[in-house]
Protein backbone atom coordinates (compact mmCIF):
# COMPACT_ATOMS: atom_id res chain seq x y z
CA MET A 1 -16.71 -15.11 17.07
CA ALA A 2 -14.65 -11.95 17.48
CA GLU A 3 -11.29 -11.83 19.19
CA THR A 4 -10.95 -9.02 21.73
CA CYS A 5 -8.11 -7.02 23.27
CA ASP A 6 -7.43 -3.73 24.96
CA PHE A 7 -5.01 -2.56 22.27
CA LEU A 8 -4.92 -3.58 18.62
CA VAL A 9 -1.63 -2.54 16.99
CA ILE A 10 -1.39 -2.74 13.20
CA GLY A 11 2.28 -2.93 12.28
CA SER A 12 5.45 -4.31 13.85
CA GLY A 13 8.15 -1.71 13.24
CA ILE A 14 9.74 0.59 15.80
CA ALA A 15 6.50 2.51 16.46
CA GLY A 16 4.20 -0.50 16.78
CA LEU A 17 6.56 -2.61 18.90
CA SER A 18 7.59 0.29 21.15
CA PHE A 19 3.93 1.02 21.80
CA ALA A 20 3.09 -2.66 22.37
CA LEU A 21 5.92 -2.96 24.88
CA GLU A 22 4.61 -0.07 26.97
CA ALA A 23 0.92 -0.86 26.49
CA SER A 24 1.50 -4.41 27.74
CA GLU A 25 1.74 -2.88 31.21
CA LEU A 26 -1.80 -1.49 30.77
CA GLY A 27 -3.70 -4.41 29.25
CA SER A 28 -3.82 -7.03 26.54
CA VAL A 29 -2.18 -6.25 23.21
CA VAL A 30 -2.62 -7.85 19.78
CA VAL A 31 -0.04 -6.92 17.13
CA VAL A 32 -1.12 -7.63 13.56
CA THR A 33 1.69 -7.88 11.00
CA LYS A 34 1.12 -9.05 7.46
CA ARG A 35 4.29 -11.07 7.05
CA ALA A 36 6.94 -12.05 9.61
CA ALA A 37 7.10 -9.66 12.56
CA SER A 38 10.54 -8.41 11.51
CA ASP A 39 9.35 -7.46 8.00
CA SER A 40 9.06 -3.71 8.37
CA ASN A 41 10.63 -0.49 7.15
CA THR A 42 12.44 -0.31 10.48
CA GLN A 43 14.31 -3.51 9.65
CA TRP A 44 15.84 -1.80 6.60
CA ALA A 45 16.81 1.51 8.23
CA GLN A 46 20.55 1.87 7.81
CA GLY A 47 21.78 5.25 9.00
CA GLY A 48 20.45 5.48 12.54
CA ILE A 49 18.35 7.52 14.91
CA ALA A 50 18.94 11.22 15.45
CA ALA A 51 19.16 12.73 18.95
CA VAL A 52 21.30 15.15 20.93
CA LEU A 53 23.78 12.81 22.61
CA ASP A 54 26.98 14.84 22.36
CA GLU A 55 27.98 17.54 24.84
CA ASN A 56 29.00 19.71 21.87
CA ASP A 57 25.52 19.48 20.36
CA SER A 58 22.31 21.16 21.55
CA PHE A 59 18.54 20.81 21.40
CA GLU A 60 18.39 24.23 19.77
CA ALA A 61 20.65 23.10 16.93
CA HIS A 62 18.66 19.91 16.27
CA ILE A 63 15.41 21.89 16.32
CA ARG A 64 16.84 24.45 13.91
CA ASP A 65 18.13 21.79 11.50
CA THR A 66 14.74 20.04 11.50
CA LEU A 67 12.86 23.27 10.83
CA VAL A 68 15.21 24.25 8.01
CA ALA A 69 14.79 20.87 6.34
CA GLY A 70 10.99 21.08 6.77
CA ALA A 71 10.85 24.21 4.58
CA GLY A 72 8.50 26.11 6.88
CA LEU A 73 5.84 23.42 7.34
CA SER A 74 7.18 21.62 10.40
CA HIS A 75 5.15 22.20 13.56
CA GLU A 76 7.58 23.83 15.95
CA ARG A 77 5.96 22.33 19.05
CA VAL A 78 6.18 18.82 17.59
CA VAL A 79 9.80 19.37 16.60
CA GLU A 80 10.64 20.56 20.12
CA ILE A 81 8.89 17.53 21.66
CA CYS A 82 10.69 14.99 19.48
CA VAL A 83 14.09 16.58 19.88
CA LYS A 84 13.89 16.99 23.65
CA GLU A 85 12.34 13.57 24.32
CA GLY A 86 14.62 11.76 21.88
CA PRO A 87 17.65 11.05 24.10
CA GLU A 88 15.54 9.30 26.74
CA ARG A 89 13.90 7.12 24.08
CA ILE A 90 17.33 6.03 22.83
CA ARG A 91 18.29 5.16 26.39
CA MET A 92 15.13 3.06 26.58
CA LEU A 93 16.18 1.16 23.46
CA ASP A 94 19.63 0.77 24.94
CA ALA A 95 18.11 -0.55 28.19
CA ILE A 96 16.11 -3.28 26.44
CA GLY A 97 19.23 -4.50 24.64
CA ALA A 98 19.71 -2.52 21.43
CA ARG A 99 23.46 -2.52 20.81
CA PHE A 100 24.43 0.89 19.44
CA ASP A 101 28.02 1.47 18.37
CA GLN A 102 30.16 2.95 21.11
CA ALA A 103 32.83 5.62 20.74
CA HIS A 104 36.48 4.64 20.92
CA GLY A 105 39.27 6.93 22.01
CA ASP A 106 38.68 10.35 20.47
CA SER A 107 35.71 9.21 18.38
CA HIS A 108 32.64 11.39 18.24
CA GLY A 109 29.84 10.96 20.72
CA LYS A 110 29.32 11.55 24.36
CA THR A 111 26.23 11.69 26.54
CA GLU A 112 26.60 12.59 30.16
CA GLY A 113 25.80 9.86 32.64
CA HIS A 114 25.37 7.17 30.02
CA ALA A 115 27.22 5.24 27.33
CA ASP A 116 29.43 7.11 24.90
CA TYR A 117 27.81 6.59 21.50
CA ASP A 118 29.67 6.75 18.23
CA LEU A 119 27.73 9.36 16.27
CA HIS A 120 27.43 9.77 12.51
CA LEU A 121 26.90 13.01 10.60
CA GLU A 122 24.23 13.12 7.90
CA GLY A 123 22.93 15.64 5.39
CA GLY A 124 21.11 18.62 6.88
CA HIS A 125 22.56 18.10 10.38
CA SER A 126 24.92 20.69 11.83
CA ALA A 127 26.47 18.23 14.28
CA ARG A 128 27.14 14.53 14.72
CA ARG A 129 23.99 13.18 16.35
CA ILE A 130 23.13 9.91 14.59
CA ALA A 131 23.29 6.93 16.97
CA HIS A 132 23.76 3.78 14.94
CA ALA A 133 24.56 0.08 14.92
CA GLY A 134 27.00 -0.10 12.05
CA ASP A 135 24.93 0.57 8.96
CA MET A 136 22.16 -1.81 10.04
CA THR A 137 20.61 0.22 12.86
CA GLY A 138 17.02 -0.64 12.08
CA ARG A 139 17.74 -4.35 12.13
CA GLU A 140 19.29 -4.06 15.59
CA ILE A 141 16.43 -1.97 16.98
CA GLU A 142 13.88 -4.37 15.50
CA ARG A 143 15.70 -7.34 17.04
CA ALA A 144 15.81 -5.78 20.49
CA LEU A 145 12.16 -4.73 20.44
CA LEU A 146 10.95 -8.10 19.18
CA ASP A 147 12.96 -9.89 21.86
CA ALA A 148 11.42 -7.66 24.53
CA VAL A 149 7.86 -7.91 23.19
CA ARG A 150 8.00 -11.68 22.88
CA LYS A 151 8.73 -11.92 26.60
CA LYS A 152 5.42 -10.20 27.42
CA ALA A 153 2.72 -12.76 28.22
CA ASN A 154 -0.14 -10.42 27.34
CA VAL A 155 1.17 -9.49 23.87
CA THR A 156 -0.04 -11.65 20.98
CA LEU A 157 1.87 -11.39 17.71
CA LEU A 158 -0.33 -12.32 14.76
CA GLU A 159 2.16 -12.85 11.95
CA GLU A 160 0.94 -13.50 8.39
CA HIS A 161 -2.19 -11.48 9.22
CA MET A 162 -3.22 -8.35 7.33
CA ALA A 163 -5.75 -5.74 8.35
CA VAL A 164 -8.47 -5.42 5.71
CA ASP A 165 -10.49 -2.46 7.02
CA LEU A 166 -11.08 -0.62 10.26
CA ILE A 167 -14.30 -1.29 12.12
CA THR A 168 -16.08 1.96 12.84
CA LEU A 169 -19.39 1.80 14.66
CA ALA A 170 -20.82 4.50 12.40
CA LYS A 171 -21.00 1.83 9.67
CA PHE A 172 -23.54 -0.02 11.82
CA GLY A 173 -25.64 2.92 12.99
CA GLY A 174 -23.51 3.77 16.03
CA PRO A 175 -21.18 6.65 16.89
CA GLU A 176 -18.08 7.50 14.89
CA VAL A 177 -15.74 5.37 16.98
CA CYS A 178 -13.11 2.89 15.85
CA ALA A 179 -13.67 -0.47 17.54
CA GLY A 180 -11.01 -2.64 15.88
CA ALA A 181 -10.44 -4.14 12.46
CA TYR A 182 -11.29 -6.96 10.12
CA VAL A 183 -8.10 -8.97 9.66
CA LEU A 184 -7.15 -11.50 6.98
CA ASP A 185 -5.55 -14.66 8.33
CA VAL A 186 -3.37 -15.35 5.31
CA ALA A 187 -2.58 -18.98 6.12
CA ALA A 188 -6.20 -19.90 6.88
CA ASN A 189 -7.50 -17.72 4.03
CA LYS A 190 -10.27 -16.25 6.17
CA VAL A 191 -11.13 -12.85 7.61
CA ILE A 192 -11.45 -12.62 11.39
CA THR A 193 -12.92 -9.86 13.54
CA VAL A 194 -10.65 -8.23 16.13
CA LEU A 195 -12.36 -5.81 18.53
CA SER A 196 -10.31 -3.47 20.70
CA ARG A 197 -10.64 -0.63 23.20
CA SER A 198 -8.06 1.32 21.20
CA THR A 199 -6.70 0.72 17.71
CA VAL A 200 -3.21 1.95 16.83
CA LEU A 201 -2.04 2.29 13.25
CA ALA A 202 1.71 1.75 13.01
CA SER A 203 1.79 0.34 9.51
CA GLY A 204 4.71 2.32 8.10
CA GLY A 205 5.11 3.87 4.70
CA ALA A 206 3.98 3.38 1.12
CA GLY A 207 7.10 3.27 -1.03
CA LYS A 208 5.65 0.50 -3.21
CA VAL A 209 3.30 3.07 -4.72
CA TYR A 210 6.33 4.04 -6.84
CA LEU A 211 8.16 1.92 -9.40
CA TYR A 212 11.54 2.38 -7.68
CA THR A 213 11.75 2.41 -3.91
CA THR A 214 14.14 1.63 -1.09
CA ASN A 215 11.22 0.21 0.91
CA PRO A 216 10.51 -3.49 1.46
CA ASP A 217 7.52 -5.16 -0.17
CA VAL A 218 5.33 -4.60 2.90
CA ALA A 219 5.31 -0.80 2.43
CA THR A 220 1.96 -0.42 0.69
CA GLY A 221 0.36 2.39 2.71
CA ASP A 222 -2.18 0.14 4.42
CA GLY A 223 -2.74 2.33 7.47
CA VAL A 224 -3.30 5.54 5.51
CA ALA A 225 -5.62 3.81 3.06
CA MET A 226 -7.73 2.18 5.80
CA ALA A 227 -7.92 5.41 7.79
CA TYR A 228 -9.03 7.33 4.71
CA ARG A 229 -11.73 4.80 3.92
CA ALA A 230 -12.91 5.06 7.53
CA GLY A 231 -13.21 8.86 7.22
CA ALA A 232 -10.07 10.04 9.01
CA GLU A 233 -8.29 13.23 8.00
CA ILE A 234 -5.16 12.75 5.87
CA ALA A 235 -2.59 15.50 5.34
CA ASN A 236 0.49 16.47 3.29
CA MET A 237 0.63 13.37 1.09
CA GLU A 238 2.32 15.33 -1.70
CA PHE A 239 5.54 15.32 0.30
CA TYR A 240 7.03 11.96 -0.58
CA GLN A 241 10.73 11.84 0.03
CA PHE A 242 12.99 10.29 -2.56
CA HIS A 243 16.26 9.04 -1.14
CA PRO A 244 19.02 10.42 -3.36
CA THR A 245 21.17 7.30 -3.39
CA ALA A 246 19.81 3.82 -4.09
CA LEU A 247 22.13 1.28 -5.69
CA PHE A 248 21.58 1.21 -9.47
CA ASN A 249 21.41 -2.46 -10.32
CA PRO A 250 18.26 -4.28 -11.50
CA ALA A 251 19.11 -7.27 -9.32
CA ALA A 252 19.61 -5.11 -6.23
CA LYS A 253 15.94 -4.11 -5.93
CA SER A 254 16.89 -0.48 -5.10
CA PHE A 255 19.17 -1.27 -2.18
CA LEU A 256 19.66 1.86 -0.09
CA ILE A 257 23.10 3.47 0.11
CA SER A 258 22.99 5.31 3.42
CA GLU A 259 23.19 9.06 3.78
CA ALA A 260 25.97 8.42 6.28
CA LEU A 261 28.41 7.74 3.43
CA ARG A 262 28.07 11.36 2.37
CA GLY A 263 28.45 12.31 6.01
CA GLU A 264 31.82 10.57 5.93
CA GLY A 265 32.90 12.43 2.82
CA ALA A 266 31.49 10.48 -0.15
CA ILE A 267 31.26 12.62 -3.29
CA LEU A 268 28.57 12.60 -5.97
CA ARG A 269 30.07 12.62 -9.47
CA ARG A 270 28.88 12.70 -13.06
CA LEU A 271 29.75 9.73 -15.23
CA ASP A 272 32.86 11.59 -16.40
CA GLY A 273 34.03 11.79 -12.79
CA THR A 274 33.41 15.50 -12.14
CA PRO A 275 31.63 16.42 -8.87
CA PHE A 276 28.42 18.39 -9.32
CA MET A 277 26.72 19.16 -5.99
CA ALA A 278 28.53 22.50 -5.62
CA ASP A 279 26.52 23.64 -8.66
CA TYR A 280 23.28 23.16 -6.72
CA ASP A 281 23.92 23.99 -3.06
CA PRO A 282 26.83 25.35 -0.99
CA ARG A 283 26.40 22.44 1.41
CA LYS A 284 27.23 20.11 -1.48
CA GLU A 285 26.66 16.44 -0.56
CA LEU A 286 25.38 17.42 2.89
CA ALA A 287 22.41 19.40 1.58
CA PRO A 288 18.95 18.11 2.59
CA ARG A 289 17.63 15.11 0.69
CA ASP A 290 15.15 16.96 -1.51
CA ILE A 291 17.89 19.15 -2.92
CA VAL A 292 20.29 16.26 -3.50
CA ALA A 293 17.60 14.08 -5.10
CA ARG A 294 16.53 16.86 -7.50
CA ALA A 295 20.17 17.55 -8.38
CA ILE A 296 20.77 13.91 -9.28
CA ASP A 297 17.47 13.77 -11.20
CA HIS A 298 18.45 16.89 -13.16
CA GLU A 299 21.91 15.55 -13.94
CA MET A 300 20.50 12.28 -15.21
CA LYS A 301 17.86 13.97 -17.37
CA ARG A 302 20.35 16.54 -18.68
CA SER A 303 22.92 13.95 -19.74
CA GLY A 304 20.66 10.99 -20.45
CA ALA A 305 22.64 8.93 -17.96
CA ASP A 306 21.07 5.98 -16.15
CA HIS A 307 22.81 6.87 -12.89
CA VAL A 308 25.48 9.01 -11.24
CA TRP A 309 28.45 7.91 -9.14
CA LEU A 310 28.82 8.01 -5.36
CA ASP A 311 32.52 7.90 -4.57
CA ILE A 312 34.06 7.14 -1.16
CA THR A 313 37.24 5.54 -2.51
CA HIS A 314 39.38 8.43 -1.21
CA GLN A 315 38.66 7.39 2.39
CA PRO A 316 40.75 4.72 4.17
CA ALA A 317 39.49 1.27 3.22
CA ASP A 318 39.51 0.04 6.81
CA LEU A 319 37.32 2.98 7.92
CA VAL A 320 34.82 2.32 5.12
CA ARG A 321 34.59 -1.40 5.91
CA GLU A 322 34.26 -0.73 9.65
CA ARG A 323 31.58 1.95 9.40
CA PHE A 324 29.57 0.44 6.55
CA PRO A 325 29.88 -3.34 6.77
CA GLY A 326 26.38 -4.04 5.47
CA ILE A 327 26.67 -1.75 2.45
CA HIS A 328 30.18 -3.04 1.72
CA ALA A 329 29.00 -6.65 1.82
CA GLU A 330 25.85 -6.04 -0.23
CA CYS A 331 27.71 -4.13 -2.94
CA LEU A 332 30.31 -6.90 -3.13
CA ARG A 333 27.46 -9.25 -4.05
CA PHE A 334 27.06 -7.18 -7.21
CA GLY A 335 30.76 -6.94 -7.99
CA ILE A 336 31.32 -3.49 -6.45
CA ASP A 337 34.03 -2.98 -3.83
CA ILE A 338 33.13 0.43 -2.41
CA THR A 339 36.67 0.88 -1.04
CA THR A 340 38.05 0.92 -4.61
CA ASP A 341 35.02 1.31 -6.92
CA LYS A 342 32.57 4.15 -7.39
CA ILE A 343 28.95 3.19 -6.61
CA PRO A 344 26.26 3.68 -9.31
CA VAL A 345 23.27 5.37 -7.63
CA VAL A 346 19.83 6.76 -8.50
CA PRO A 347 17.05 8.36 -6.42
CA ALA A 348 14.22 6.11 -5.20
CA ALA A 349 10.99 6.64 -3.22
CA HIS A 350 11.92 6.39 0.42
CA TYR A 351 9.70 8.06 3.03
CA MET A 352 6.15 9.37 3.35
CA CYS A 353 6.17 12.72 5.17
CA GLY A 354 2.37 13.00 5.12
CA GLY A 355 -0.14 10.58 6.57
CA VAL A 356 -3.02 10.29 9.02
CA SER A 357 -3.38 13.57 10.91
CA THR A 358 -2.73 13.28 14.65
CA ASP A 359 -2.45 15.46 17.71
CA LEU A 360 0.58 15.62 20.00
CA GLU A 361 -0.22 12.20 21.47
CA GLY A 362 -1.16 10.26 18.35
CA ARG A 363 -4.96 10.67 18.32
CA THR A 364 -6.55 10.83 14.89
CA SER A 365 -9.79 12.57 13.93
CA ILE A 366 -11.70 9.32 14.66
CA PRO A 367 -12.20 8.53 18.38
CA GLY A 368 -10.57 5.25 19.36
CA LEU A 369 -8.10 5.39 16.45
CA TRP A 370 -4.46 6.37 16.93
CA ALA A 371 -1.60 6.62 14.44
CA ILE A 372 2.14 6.60 15.10
CA GLY A 373 5.29 6.30 13.03
CA GLU A 374 5.55 6.81 9.29
CA CYS A 375 1.82 6.36 8.62
CA ALA A 376 1.06 9.37 10.85
CA HIS A 377 1.28 13.05 10.02
CA THR A 378 2.42 14.66 13.26
CA GLY A 379 3.93 17.74 11.65
CA LEU A 380 7.53 16.85 12.55
CA HIS A 381 8.83 16.56 9.02
CA GLY A 382 6.98 19.39 7.30
CA ALA A 383 7.81 19.49 3.61
CA ASN A 384 10.94 17.38 3.90
CA ARG A 385 12.20 14.93 6.53
CA LEU A 386 15.60 15.55 8.09
CA ALA A 387 17.74 12.42 7.87
CA SER A 388 17.31 9.90 10.72
CA ASN A 389 14.40 11.77 12.31
CA SER A 390 12.03 8.96 11.29
CA LEU A 391 13.01 6.34 13.87
CA LEU A 392 13.06 9.18 16.37
CA GLU A 393 9.45 10.15 15.59
CA GLY A 394 8.26 6.55 15.77
CA VAL A 395 9.67 5.82 19.21
CA VAL A 396 8.77 9.23 20.70
CA PHE A 397 5.12 9.12 19.60
CA ALA A 398 4.75 5.48 20.59
CA HIS A 399 5.72 6.54 24.11
CA ARG A 400 3.44 9.58 24.09
CA ALA A 401 0.47 7.53 22.87
CA ALA A 402 1.05 4.91 25.56
CA LEU A 403 1.26 7.60 28.25
CA ALA A 404 -1.95 9.21 27.03
CA LEU A 405 -3.82 5.91 27.00
CA ALA A 406 -2.54 5.10 30.48
CA LYS A 407 -4.32 8.23 31.71
CA THR A 408 -7.64 7.49 30.01
CA GLY A 409 -8.35 4.11 31.58
CA ARG A 410 -9.40 0.97 29.75
CA ASP A 411 -13.16 0.70 30.38
CA GLY A 412 -12.35 -2.92 31.13
CA ASP A 413 -15.83 -3.76 32.39
CA LYS A 414 -17.63 -2.26 29.43
CA PRO A 415 -18.80 -4.88 26.93
CA PHE A 416 -17.39 -4.86 23.42
CA PRO A 417 -19.82 -3.73 20.73
CA ASP A 418 -21.80 -6.26 18.76
CA VAL A 419 -20.61 -6.01 15.16
CA PRO A 420 -21.22 -8.42 12.29
CA ASP A 421 -18.50 -10.77 11.19
CA TRP A 422 -16.97 -10.45 7.74
CA ASP A 423 -19.47 -11.30 5.03
CA VAL A 424 -18.03 -12.79 1.83
CA GLY A 425 -21.33 -12.28 0.03
CA ARG A 426 -21.17 -13.74 -3.46
CA ALA A 427 -17.39 -13.50 -3.72
CA ALA A 428 -15.56 -16.41 -5.31
CA ALA A 429 -11.99 -17.54 -5.78
CA SER A 430 -10.22 -15.86 -8.70
CA ASP A 431 -8.38 -17.52 -11.55
CA GLU A 432 -7.30 -14.15 -13.00
CA ALA A 433 -4.52 -12.97 -10.68
CA VAL A 434 -2.85 -11.44 -13.74
CA ILE A 435 -5.32 -8.56 -13.35
CA ILE A 436 -3.72 -7.69 -10.01
CA THR A 437 -0.21 -7.87 -11.48
CA GLN A 438 -1.13 -5.69 -14.47
CA SER A 439 -2.82 -3.02 -12.34
CA TRP A 440 0.04 -3.09 -9.82
CA ASP A 441 2.69 -2.48 -12.48
CA GLU A 442 0.68 0.17 -14.31
CA LEU A 443 -0.12 2.12 -11.15
CA ARG A 444 3.48 2.21 -9.91
CA ARG A 445 4.87 3.18 -13.29
CA LEU A 446 2.43 6.06 -13.81
CA MET A 447 3.19 7.34 -10.31
CA TRP A 448 6.91 7.29 -11.10
CA ASN A 449 6.50 9.05 -14.44
CA TYR A 450 3.80 11.59 -13.54
CA VAL A 451 4.08 12.16 -9.78
CA GLY A 452 7.78 11.69 -9.11
CA ILE A 453 10.58 14.04 -8.08
CA VAL A 454 9.46 16.76 -10.54
CA ARG A 455 5.76 17.29 -11.39
CA ASN A 456 3.48 19.56 -13.39
CA ASP A 457 -0.25 20.16 -13.60
CA LYS A 458 -0.72 18.25 -16.85
CA ARG A 459 0.97 15.13 -15.52
CA LEU A 460 -1.06 15.29 -12.31
CA ARG A 461 -4.33 15.51 -14.26
CA ARG A 462 -3.34 12.53 -16.37
CA ALA A 463 -2.39 10.57 -13.28
CA ALA A 464 -5.68 11.39 -11.54
CA ARG A 465 -7.74 10.20 -14.52
CA ARG A 466 -5.86 6.96 -14.89
CA ILE A 467 -5.88 6.21 -11.16
CA ALA A 468 -9.64 6.75 -11.03
CA LEU A 469 -10.10 4.23 -13.84
CA LEU A 470 -7.78 1.74 -12.17
CA GLN A 471 -9.70 2.12 -8.92
CA GLU A 472 -12.96 1.27 -10.69
CA GLU A 473 -11.37 -1.90 -12.06
CA ILE A 474 -9.86 -2.79 -8.67
CA ALA A 475 -13.19 -2.23 -6.89
CA GLU A 476 -15.01 -4.47 -9.34
CA TYR A 477 -12.44 -7.21 -8.81
CA TYR A 478 -12.47 -6.68 -5.02
CA TRP A 479 -16.21 -7.24 -4.66
CA GLN A 480 -16.28 -10.27 -6.94
CA HIS A 481 -13.47 -12.27 -5.38
CA PHE A 482 -12.18 -13.46 -2.02
CA VAL A 483 -9.66 -11.05 -0.55
CA THR A 484 -5.97 -11.93 -0.72
CA ARG A 485 -2.94 -10.08 0.55
CA ASP A 486 -1.96 -9.10 -3.00
CA LEU A 487 -5.44 -7.73 -3.72
CA LEU A 488 -5.55 -5.76 -0.47
CA GLU A 489 -2.12 -4.26 -1.12
CA LEU A 490 -3.15 -3.23 -4.64
CA ARG A 491 -6.33 -1.64 -3.31
CA ASN A 492 -4.30 0.26 -0.72
CA ILE A 493 -1.59 1.60 -3.01
CA ALA A 494 -4.29 2.80 -5.41
CA THR A 495 -5.85 4.77 -2.54
CA VAL A 496 -2.47 6.18 -1.55
CA ALA A 497 -1.79 7.16 -5.16
CA GLU A 498 -5.12 9.00 -5.27
CA LEU A 499 -4.22 10.91 -2.11
CA VAL A 500 -0.72 11.84 -3.27
CA VAL A 501 -2.07 13.20 -6.54
CA ALA A 502 -4.94 15.07 -4.88
CA CYS A 503 -2.64 16.78 -2.38
CA ALA A 504 -0.03 17.56 -5.04
CA ALA A 505 -2.65 19.12 -7.31
CA ALA A 506 -3.90 21.33 -4.47
CA ARG A 507 -0.44 22.79 -3.70
CA LYS A 508 0.21 25.59 -6.20
CA GLU A 509 3.81 26.20 -5.17
CA SER A 510 7.13 24.37 -4.96
CA ARG A 511 8.19 23.59 -1.41
CA GLY A 512 10.47 20.93 -0.02
CA LEU A 513 9.78 17.57 -1.63
CA HIS A 514 6.99 18.93 -3.83
CA PHE A 515 8.51 20.54 -6.93
CA THR A 516 6.29 21.49 -9.85
CA THR A 517 7.50 23.21 -13.01
CA ASP A 518 4.15 25.04 -13.33
CA HIS A 519 4.55 26.68 -9.91
CA PRO A 520 8.31 26.83 -9.30
CA GLU A 521 8.24 29.61 -6.71
CA LEU A 522 7.78 29.28 -2.96
CA GLY A 523 4.28 30.36 -1.92
CA ALA A 524 3.65 33.24 0.45
CA ARG A 525 1.44 31.29 2.91
CA LEU A 526 2.39 28.40 5.16
CA VAL A 527 -0.39 25.86 4.61
CA ARG A 528 -0.85 22.12 4.74
CA SER A 529 -2.92 19.99 2.38
CA VAL A 530 -5.87 18.15 3.91
CA VAL A 531 -8.17 15.55 2.40
CA LYS A 532 -11.03 13.43 3.78
CA ARG A 533 -13.12 10.81 2.06
CA GLY A 534 -15.47 12.45 -0.41
CA VAL A 535 -13.89 15.89 0.09
CA PRO A 536 -11.33 17.21 -2.42
CA ALA A 537 -7.93 18.17 -1.04
CA HIS A 538 -7.74 21.74 0.18
CA MET A 539 -5.18 23.92 1.90
CA VAL A 540 -5.39 24.77 5.58
CA PRO A 541 -3.29 27.42 7.37
CA LEU A 542 -0.58 25.72 9.37
CA ALA A 543 -1.55 27.51 12.58
CA THR A 544 -4.87 25.64 12.72
CA THR A 545 -3.32 22.19 13.20
């Protein structure tokens, strides 16, 4: 028998929990999260959340910085919305108990009529506007939101549950409407049916599609993959942001070294100690992430080095320990004292700028299906995300989606549709899990080698052929065996890989995060890449979205 709710939220990061908190005032909410509720990209966000909170800053400056970073593909209306609505969303987080660092004495940060925030400066920003909680901002936001959500009687948190596929009525002869999802109860090893009035994808990013990533293990692109299989429009998947500075240490699992270190004066150096960013951009270490990541990648390939150095040893040790306690402590675990030692760093996959296409309130191209946060393509980031605009986008669009749904009504008296429960067919338990491991490793490695920071047409063609073959093997395994979380994640990252390659192959220019040696020049037209199930990726003029 199906479970029912007014709102089904898939994901428990800043976007999903912010939405659930507001939607709980409108009706019943079920939040599906495939591990513990705190396991999300939000939990690992270090730097902070960008907003105009200083009297010396301005909306116009934040808008301009975002548009510059987006390399012409950011939607100006979306940028304006996020920037102007951002301060109030931070005050909401503050009000529910998120403890942001406060300014002391002459420290930076002031917002009229509210707390004085200590504000960081990060690459691409022309002013200090990054509200933070030490260097563990995401963890603090996640804590506050979870505490608030858990107090809501009509919010059900389904931990250790993973969405398998969206339920669209078109599959059963009805209209093209999303009516919920099939969900794997991991502990019980069974798939349940969850029907909802509205389904909200807030499943985060897909960093695990690459061999090296700053993302946690949950970041397997589940929302984008499910939406694509359901027939939703997906856009701009070629723009995958690589964070320039992840800790280079096999045991560290690509631990992120925050952009805020460079905001506080950290210098990127070659292995011989010479700084190099001035050779690539006049903004040096404060250039946007795509430029810094390509510079590091070029230096490593040119010299054959395994890493470069990030050096903040010239700053007072007390300041470094105070501002970056988490990074300081984590590096110490690996024998690196960042107050006296240079940090070995490499780029790593970090953030998905494309995703499920939405309007200004989070609606997708499928009625009843919404997308917010990193899995959505709102148009804010364009071809390259400005640092710390990600948490901002998640909380702003969660609020806008909740407001929009509050206006539409719940159809509370309307019966839920009659859909069949999950059918296991002839599936059986598998004793060949090594097939999943082999495909997982092969897929991530080919994405890193062929579809990484620098691409070309030949590599993309090779990647497309190999991904297609892997997908055939995965599909065969999928239909023969009971679903598991590992199998579902493999299936999803294979779909995401297909979409990244398709969108990258369609873009015959280099722009922002997409750099191809076969088309190194900036194109004359501002277009976005669009792909739907069964339709090859094509380019659409930006003005049409």
